[in-house]
Structure formats: C-alpha cells, structure tokens
C-alpha cells in the first residue's frame, strides 16, 4: 500500500520525456529546413550576384573558388576574399527597390 502512494508521480514521469521529445522535434525540423535552403543558396552563387556577408559587408561577387568568393566592395572597389559559408544572403534587384 505504501508503494502505491509513493509512485503517485508515475504519470508525470512518463509525460515529461514525451514533452521534451516533442519540443526537440518542433525546434529541429524548421532548423534543418532552413539549413537546406541556405546550402542550396550557396550552391547557386555565381559571378555578378550581390551578396551580404554574416558581418554585414555587401558586395558583388567577382569570382568563385572551391570554398571562397572574391567580392568587390563599394565605394572604392576593394576586392575582399571570404569563405562561402560567410555569405548570409543574396540580394536581388527586388530587395534593393
């Protein structure tokens, strides 16, 4: 009889792992989708694209290498080299308008 009263939290003990697993799934699935979109964007980069880096630098791609890009940055036309993974987004003409 004493054992049954001590295990009164058994329902809560089973519910907690289910809630935690649900929370992890709800946060992991959108993150994976976002990662796939970002990888696809990196794969479509080409010379002439206007991009923004993670550091906030905006420029136009002059050339692409295996794992890096060379950007021309205005106003002086400086050429800077970045790793591809530093590219945060591609800026299209519609975004600028």
N, C-alpha and C. Protein backbone atom coordinates (compact mmCIF):
# COMPACT_ATOMS: atom_id res chain seq x y z
N UNK A 1 0.81 -1.18 0.00
CA UNK A 1 0.00 0.00 0.00
C UNK A 1 0.86 1.26 0.00
N UNK A 2 1.93 1.24 0.75
CA UNK A 2 2.84 2.37 0.82
C UNK A 2 3.54 2.59 -0.52
N UNK A 3 3.82 1.54 -1.26
CA UNK A 3 4.46 1.64 -2.56
C UNK A 3 3.57 2.36 -3.57
N UNK A 4 2.30 2.12 -3.55
CA UNK A 4 1.37 2.75 -4.48
C UNK A 4 1.28 4.25 -4.25
N UNK A 5 1.34 4.67 -3.02
CA UNK A 5 1.27 6.09 -2.73
C UNK A 5 2.56 6.81 -3.12
N UNK A 6 3.68 6.16 -3.01
CA UNK A 6 4.96 6.76 -3.35
C UNK A 6 5.12 6.92 -4.85
N UNK A 7 4.44 6.11 -5.64
CA UNK A 7 4.59 6.19 -7.08
C UNK A 7 3.50 7.06 -7.71
N UNK A 8 2.97 7.99 -7.00
CA UNK A 8 1.92 8.87 -7.49
C UNK A 8 2.39 9.79 -8.62
N UNK A 9 3.68 9.99 -8.74
CA UNK A 9 4.22 10.84 -9.79
C UNK A 9 4.59 10.05 -11.04
N UNK A 10 4.15 8.82 -11.16
CA UNK A 10 4.47 7.98 -12.32
C UNK A 10 3.94 8.54 -13.61
N UNK A 11 2.75 9.12 -13.61
CA UNK A 11 2.18 9.72 -14.81
C UNK A 11 2.99 10.91 -15.28
N UNK A 12 3.45 11.73 -14.35
CA UNK A 12 4.28 12.88 -14.69
C UNK A 12 5.64 12.43 -15.22
N UNK A 13 6.16 11.36 -14.66
CA UNK A 13 7.45 10.84 -15.11
C UNK A 13 7.41 10.33 -16.53
N UNK A 14 6.26 9.84 -16.98
CA UNK A 14 6.12 9.39 -18.36
C UNK A 14 5.81 10.54 -19.31
N UNK A 15 5.13 11.56 -18.83
CA UNK A 15 4.74 12.69 -19.67
C UNK A 15 5.92 13.60 -19.99
N UNK A 16 6.82 13.78 -19.06
CA UNK A 16 7.94 14.68 -19.24
C UNK A 16 8.83 14.29 -20.42
N UNK A 17 9.25 13.04 -20.58
CA UNK A 17 10.06 12.69 -21.76
C UNK A 17 9.31 12.90 -23.08
N UNK A 18 8.03 12.64 -23.09
CA UNK A 18 7.24 12.84 -24.32
C UNK A 18 7.21 14.32 -24.69
N UNK A 19 7.02 15.18 -23.71
CA UNK A 19 7.00 16.62 -23.96
C UNK A 19 8.37 17.10 -24.43
N UNK A 20 9.45 16.61 -23.83
CA UNK A 20 10.79 17.01 -24.23
C UNK A 20 11.10 16.56 -25.65
N UNK A 21 10.73 15.35 -26.02
CA UNK A 21 10.95 14.86 -27.38
C UNK A 21 10.15 15.70 -28.37
N UNK A 22 8.93 16.03 -28.04
CA UNK A 22 8.11 16.88 -28.90
C UNK A 22 8.73 18.26 -29.09
N UNK A 23 9.26 18.84 -28.04
CA UNK A 23 9.90 20.14 -28.12
C UNK A 23 11.13 20.10 -29.01
N UNK A 24 11.93 19.06 -28.87
CA UNK A 24 13.14 18.92 -29.69
C UNK A 24 12.75 18.79 -31.16
N UNK A 25 11.74 18.01 -31.47
CA UNK A 25 11.31 17.86 -32.86
C UNK A 25 10.76 19.16 -33.43
N UNK A 26 10.01 19.90 -32.63
CA UNK A 26 9.45 21.16 -33.11
C UNK A 26 10.52 22.22 -33.38
N UNK A 27 11.65 22.13 -32.72
CA UNK A 27 12.72 23.09 -32.96
C UNK A 27 13.72 22.59 -34.00
N UNK A 28 13.92 21.29 -34.11
CA UNK A 28 14.93 20.76 -35.02
C UNK A 28 14.47 20.74 -36.47
N UNK A 29 13.22 20.43 -36.73
CA UNK A 29 12.74 20.31 -38.11
C UNK A 29 12.81 21.64 -38.85
N UNK A 30 12.34 22.75 -38.30
CA UNK A 30 12.49 24.03 -39.02
C UNK A 30 13.95 24.43 -39.23
N UNK A 31 14.81 24.11 -38.27
CA UNK A 31 16.23 24.42 -38.41
C UNK A 31 16.85 23.64 -39.56
N UNK A 32 16.50 22.38 -39.72
CA UNK A 32 17.02 21.57 -40.83
C UNK A 32 16.53 22.13 -42.16
N UNK A 33 15.30 22.56 -42.23
CA UNK A 33 14.74 23.13 -43.46
C UNK A 33 15.49 24.41 -43.83
N UNK A 34 15.77 25.25 -42.84
CA UNK A 34 16.49 26.49 -43.08
C UNK A 34 17.92 26.19 -43.55
N UNK A 35 18.55 25.19 -42.96
CA UNK A 35 19.92 24.80 -43.35
C UNK A 35 19.95 24.32 -44.80
N UNK A 36 18.95 23.56 -45.23
CA UNK A 36 18.88 23.08 -46.62
C UNK A 36 18.72 24.24 -47.59
N UNK A 37 17.89 25.23 -47.24
CA UNK A 37 17.70 26.39 -48.09
C UNK A 37 18.99 27.19 -48.21
N UNK A 38 19.72 27.35 -47.12
CA UNK A 38 20.97 28.10 -47.12
C UNK A 38 22.02 27.38 -47.96
N UNK A 39 22.11 26.04 -47.83
CA UNK A 39 23.06 25.27 -48.64
C UNK A 39 22.72 25.37 -50.12
N UNK A 40 21.42 25.36 -50.45
CA UNK A 40 21.01 25.50 -51.85
C UNK A 40 21.39 26.89 -52.37
N UNK A 41 21.23 27.92 -51.55
CA UNK A 41 21.60 29.27 -51.94
C UNK A 41 23.10 29.36 -52.21
N UNK A 42 23.91 28.73 -51.36
CA UNK A 42 25.36 28.74 -51.57
C UNK A 42 25.73 28.01 -52.85
N UNK A 43 25.01 26.95 -53.18
CA UNK A 43 25.30 26.19 -54.40
C UNK A 43 24.95 26.94 -55.66
N UNK A 44 24.04 27.92 -55.59
CA UNK A 44 23.61 28.67 -56.77
C UNK A 44 24.38 29.98 -56.96
N UNK A 45 25.36 30.27 -56.12
CA UNK A 45 26.10 31.52 -56.25
C UNK A 45 26.82 31.56 -57.60
N UNK A 46 26.87 32.76 -58.19
CA UNK A 46 27.57 32.93 -59.46
C UNK A 46 28.17 34.33 -59.51
N UNK A 47 29.09 34.53 -60.40
CA UNK A 47 29.70 35.85 -60.57
C UNK A 47 28.63 36.86 -60.93
N UNK A 48 28.73 38.04 -60.34
CA UNK A 48 27.76 39.10 -60.60
C UNK A 48 26.68 39.20 -59.54
N UNK A 49 26.49 38.17 -58.74
CA UNK A 49 25.49 38.22 -57.68
C UNK A 49 25.89 39.24 -56.62
N UNK A 50 24.91 39.96 -56.10
CA UNK A 50 25.15 40.86 -54.97
C UNK A 50 24.79 40.10 -53.70
N UNK A 51 25.72 40.11 -52.74
CA UNK A 51 25.55 39.32 -51.53
C UNK A 51 25.83 40.17 -50.29
N UNK A 52 25.37 39.65 -49.16
CA UNK A 52 25.66 40.23 -47.85
C UNK A 52 26.31 39.15 -47.01
N UNK A 53 27.41 39.50 -46.34
CA UNK A 53 28.10 38.53 -45.50
C UNK A 53 27.50 38.53 -44.10
N UNK A 54 27.92 37.56 -43.29
CA UNK A 54 27.47 37.50 -41.90
C UNK A 54 27.90 38.72 -41.11
N UNK A 55 28.99 39.35 -41.53
CA UNK A 55 29.47 40.55 -40.85
C UNK A 55 28.80 41.82 -41.33
N UNK A 56 27.90 41.71 -42.31
CA UNK A 56 27.17 42.87 -42.79
C UNK A 56 27.81 43.57 -43.97
N UNK A 57 28.87 43.01 -44.54
CA UNK A 57 29.53 43.61 -45.69
C UNK A 57 28.76 43.22 -46.95
N UNK A 58 28.44 44.23 -47.76
CA UNK A 58 27.71 43.98 -49.00
C UNK A 58 28.66 44.19 -50.17
N UNK A 59 28.55 43.31 -51.16
CA UNK A 59 29.40 43.44 -52.33
C UNK A 59 28.91 42.58 -53.46
N UNK A 60 29.63 42.66 -54.58
CA UNK A 60 29.30 41.89 -55.77
C UNK A 60 30.37 40.83 -55.98
N UNK A 61 29.93 39.61 -56.29
CA UNK A 61 30.86 38.50 -56.49
C UNK A 61 31.62 38.71 -57.79
N UNK A 62 32.95 38.72 -57.70
CA UNK A 62 33.79 38.80 -58.89
C UNK A 62 34.17 37.41 -59.38
N UNK A 63 34.54 36.53 -58.42
CA UNK A 63 34.91 35.17 -58.82
C UNK A 63 34.64 34.21 -57.67
N UNK A 64 34.49 32.96 -58.04
CA UNK A 64 34.24 31.88 -57.09
C UNK A 64 35.36 30.87 -57.17
N UNK A 65 35.74 30.36 -56.01
CA UNK A 65 36.68 29.25 -55.94
C UNK A 65 35.95 28.10 -55.25
N UNK A 66 36.66 27.05 -54.92
CA UNK A 66 36.02 25.90 -54.27
C UNK A 66 35.29 26.28 -53.00
N UNK A 67 35.99 26.96 -52.10
CA UNK A 67 35.38 27.28 -50.81
C UNK A 67 35.42 28.76 -50.48
N UNK A 68 35.72 29.61 -51.47
CA UNK A 68 35.80 31.04 -51.19
C UNK A 68 35.22 31.85 -52.35
N UNK A 69 34.93 33.10 -52.06
CA UNK A 69 34.44 34.05 -53.06
C UNK A 69 35.23 35.34 -52.93
N UNK A 70 35.40 36.03 -54.05
CA UNK A 70 36.04 37.34 -54.04
C UNK A 70 34.95 38.36 -54.34
N UNK A 71 34.79 39.31 -53.41
CA UNK A 71 33.77 40.34 -53.53
C UNK A 71 34.40 41.68 -53.85
N UNK A 72 33.70 42.47 -54.67
CA UNK A 72 34.07 43.87 -54.87
C UNK A 72 33.15 44.68 -53.98
N UNK A 73 33.77 45.48 -53.11
CA UNK A 73 33.03 46.27 -52.13
C UNK A 73 33.13 47.74 -52.52
N UNK A 74 32.01 48.42 -52.50
CA UNK A 74 31.97 49.84 -52.84
C UNK A 74 32.20 50.67 -51.59
N UNK A 75 32.64 51.88 -51.63
CA UNK A 75 32.70 52.77 -52.78
C UNK A 75 34.04 52.75 -53.51
N UNK A 76 35.08 52.17 -52.95
CA UNK A 76 36.40 52.21 -53.56
C UNK A 76 36.70 51.02 -54.45
N UNK A 77 35.79 50.07 -54.56
CA UNK A 77 36.02 48.91 -55.40
C UNK A 77 37.03 47.93 -54.81
N UNK A 78 37.16 47.91 -53.51
CA UNK A 78 38.09 46.98 -52.86
C UNK A 78 37.69 45.55 -53.17
N UNK A 79 38.68 44.68 -53.31
CA UNK A 79 38.41 43.26 -53.50
C UNK A 79 38.73 42.54 -52.20
N UNK A 80 37.74 41.82 -51.67
CA UNK A 80 37.90 41.09 -50.43
C UNK A 80 37.57 39.62 -50.67
N UNK A 81 38.31 38.75 -50.03
CA UNK A 81 38.07 37.31 -50.15
C UNK A 81 37.39 36.80 -48.88
N UNK A 82 36.32 36.04 -49.06
CA UNK A 82 35.56 35.44 -47.96
C UNK A 82 35.36 33.96 -48.23
N UNK A 83 35.22 33.19 -47.17
CA UNK A 83 34.80 31.80 -47.35
C UNK A 83 33.32 31.81 -47.71
N UNK A 84 32.88 30.83 -48.47
CA UNK A 84 31.49 30.80 -48.92
C UNK A 84 30.51 30.77 -47.75
N UNK A 85 30.89 30.11 -46.68
CA UNK A 85 29.98 30.00 -45.55
C UNK A 85 29.76 31.33 -44.84
N UNK A 86 30.54 32.38 -45.18
CA UNK A 86 30.33 33.70 -44.60
C UNK A 86 29.22 34.46 -45.31
N UNK A 87 28.71 33.92 -46.43
CA UNK A 87 27.64 34.58 -47.16
C UNK A 87 26.32 34.31 -46.45
N UNK A 88 25.66 35.38 -46.05
CA UNK A 88 24.39 35.24 -45.33
C UNK A 88 23.21 35.25 -46.27
N UNK A 89 23.27 36.08 -47.32
CA UNK A 89 22.13 36.16 -48.24
C UNK A 89 22.56 36.73 -49.58
N UNK A 90 21.75 36.43 -50.59
CA UNK A 90 21.93 37.01 -51.91
C UNK A 90 20.91 38.12 -52.04
N UNK A 91 21.37 39.30 -52.43
CA UNK A 91 20.49 40.45 -52.58
C UNK A 91 20.07 40.55 -54.04
N UNK A 92 18.77 40.50 -54.27
CA UNK A 92 18.27 40.62 -55.64
C UNK A 92 17.87 42.05 -55.92
N UNK A 93 17.60 42.34 -57.17
CA UNK A 93 17.18 43.69 -57.56
C UNK A 93 15.88 44.09 -56.87
N UNK A 94 14.96 43.13 -56.65
CA UNK A 94 13.70 43.45 -56.00
C UNK A 94 13.93 43.85 -54.54
N UNK A 95 14.94 43.23 -53.89
CA UNK A 95 15.23 43.56 -52.50
C UNK A 95 15.74 44.99 -52.35
N UNK A 96 16.48 45.47 -53.34
CA UNK A 96 17.07 46.79 -53.27
C UNK A 96 16.05 47.89 -53.51
N UNK A 97 14.99 47.60 -54.28
CA UNK A 97 13.99 48.62 -54.62
C UNK A 97 13.06 48.96 -53.47
